[in-house]
């Protein structure tokens, strides 16, 4: 069930034009350090919901590779 919820959340995140114009790593990586922190993710409620599921290595950040799962 968790996988289904994550999949649905990813689809909503990727298709939601109301939330933002495009799913773009750089638009969430506010400080340009190559990672999206939980604080940076706060600009999008859907990303916050699935953040922990996308954070495969559990380091509290999303790499470009981890974030690519939503594209």
C-alpha atoms as a PDB file:
ATOM      1  CA  UNK A   1       0.000   0.000   0.000  1.00  0.00           C
ATOM      2  CA  UNK A   2       2.865   2.382   0.783  1.00  0.00           C
ATOM      3  CA  UNK A   3       4.260   1.796  -2.710  1.00  0.00           C
ATOM      4  CA  UNK A   4       0.877   2.569  -4.245  1.00  0.00           C
ATOM      5  CA  UNK A   5       0.559   5.769  -2.201  1.00  0.00           C
ATOM      6  CA  UNK A   6       4.072   6.822  -3.188  1.00  0.00           C
ATOM      7  CA  UNK A   7       3.384   6.098  -6.840  1.00  0.00           C
ATOM      8  CA  UNK A   8       0.201   8.136  -6.754  1.00  0.00           C
ATOM      9  CA  UNK A   9       1.942  11.006  -4.985  1.00  0.00           C
ATOM     10  CA  UNK A  10       4.738  10.969  -7.573  1.00  0.00           C
ATOM     11  CA  UNK A  11       2.181  11.104 -10.373  1.00  0.00           C
ATOM     12  CA  UNK A  12       0.395  14.014  -8.738  1.00  0.00           C
ATOM     13  CA  UNK A  13       3.679  15.823  -8.173  1.00  0.00           C
ATOM     14  CA  UNK A  14       4.795  15.314 -11.748  1.00  0.00           C
ATOM     15  CA  UNK A  15       1.488  16.360 -13.281  1.00  0.00           C
ATOM     16  CA  UNK A  16       0.380  19.169 -10.997  1.00  0.00           C
ATOM     17  CA  UNK A  17       0.687  22.409 -12.907  1.00  0.00           C
ATOM     18  CA  UNK A  18      -1.083  24.271 -10.127  1.00  0.00           C
ATOM     19  CA  UNK A  19       1.746  23.521  -7.723  1.00  0.00           C
ATOM     20  CA  UNK A  20       4.518  24.662 -10.076  1.00  0.00           C
ATOM     21  CA  UNK A  21       5.224  25.061 -13.748  1.00  0.00           C
ATOM     22  CA  UNK A  22       7.639  22.137 -14.148  1.00  0.00           C
ATOM     23  CA  UNK A  23       9.276  19.407 -12.106  1.00  0.00           C
ATOM     24  CA  UNK A  24      12.803  20.745 -12.116  1.00  0.00           C
ATOM     25  CA  UNK A  25      15.531  19.736  -9.650  1.00  0.00           C
ATOM     26  CA  UNK A  26      17.156  23.171  -9.798  1.00  0.00           C
ATOM     27  CA  UNK A  27      13.931  24.944  -8.851  1.00  0.00           C
ATOM     28  CA  UNK A  28      13.856  23.035  -5.543  1.00  0.00           C
ATOM     29  CA  UNK A  29      17.628  23.155  -4.894  1.00  0.00           C
ATOM     30  CA  UNK A  30      17.491  26.750  -3.668  1.00  0.00           C
ATOM     31  CA  UNK A  31      21.107  26.965  -2.515  1.00  0.00           C
ATOM     32  CA  UNK A  32      22.492  25.186  -5.584  1.00  0.00           C
ATOM     33  CA  UNK A  33      24.482  22.619  -3.602  1.00  0.00           C
ATOM     34  CA  UNK A  34      23.293  19.671  -5.689  1.00  0.00           C
ATOM     35  CA  UNK A  35      20.799  18.321  -3.139  1.00  0.00           C
ATOM     36  CA  UNK A  36      17.249  19.092  -2.032  1.00  0.00           C
ATOM     37  CA  UNK A  37      16.898  19.248   1.743  1.00  0.00           C
ATOM     38  CA  UNK A  38      13.642  18.770   3.627  1.00  0.00           C
ATOM     39  CA  UNK A  39      13.619  22.515   4.237  1.00  0.00           C
ATOM     40  CA  UNK A  40      13.959  23.235   0.509  1.00  0.00           C
ATOM     41  CA  UNK A  41      11.205  20.702  -0.233  1.00  0.00           C
ATOM     42  CA  UNK A  42       8.762  22.659   1.967  1.00  0.00           C
ATOM     43  CA  UNK A  43       7.747  24.763  -1.057  1.00  0.00           C
ATOM     44  CA  UNK A  44       5.724  21.804  -2.361  1.00  0.00           C
ATOM     45  CA  UNK A  45       3.340  19.799  -0.163  1.00  0.00           C
ATOM     46  CA  UNK A  46       3.425  16.734  -2.438  1.00  0.00           C
ATOM     47  CA  UNK A  47       7.218  16.630  -2.410  1.00  0.00           C
ATOM     48  CA  UNK A  48       7.164  16.845   1.395  1.00  0.00           C
ATOM     49  CA  UNK A  49       4.763  13.878   1.511  1.00  0.00           C
ATOM     50  CA  UNK A  50       7.005  11.611  -0.554  1.00  0.00           C
ATOM     51  CA  UNK A  51      10.384  13.000   0.498  1.00  0.00           C
ATOM     52  CA  UNK A  52      11.289  10.094   2.790  1.00  0.00           C
ATOM     53  CA  UNK A  53      10.272   7.544   0.168  1.00  0.00           C
ATOM     54  CA  UNK A  54      12.429   9.230  -2.471  1.00  0.00           C
ATOM     55  CA  UNK A  55      15.399   9.572  -0.094  1.00  0.00           C
ATOM     56  CA  UNK A  56      16.716   6.078  -0.852  1.00  0.00           C
ATOM     57  CA  UNK A  57      19.941   6.418   1.148  1.00  0.00           C
ATOM     58  CA  UNK A  58      18.203   8.053   4.118  1.00  0.00           C
ATOM     59  CA  UNK A  59      20.624  10.974   4.374  1.00  0.00           C
ATOM     60  CA  UNK A  60      17.895  13.622   4.650  1.00  0.00           C
ATOM     61  CA  UNK A  61      18.541  15.014   1.180  1.00  0.00           C
ATOM     62  CA  UNK A  62      17.413  14.211  -2.328  1.00  0.00           C
ATOM     63  CA  UNK A  63      20.115  13.802  -4.931  1.00  0.00           C
ATOM     64  CA  UNK A  64      19.400  14.420  -8.603  1.00  0.00           C
ATOM     65  CA  UNK A  65      19.145  10.667  -9.085  1.00  0.00           C
ATOM     66  CA  UNK A  66      16.659  10.236  -6.228  1.00  0.00           C
ATOM     67  CA  UNK A  67      14.597  13.209  -7.404  1.00  0.00           C
ATOM     68  CA  UNK A  68      14.551  11.833 -10.963  1.00  0.00           C
ATOM     69  CA  UNK A  69      11.989   9.265  -9.796  1.00  0.00           C
ATOM     70  CA  UNK A  70       9.316  11.982 -10.022  1.00  0.00           C
ATOM     71  CA  UNK A  71      10.084  12.872 -13.611  1.00  0.00           C
END
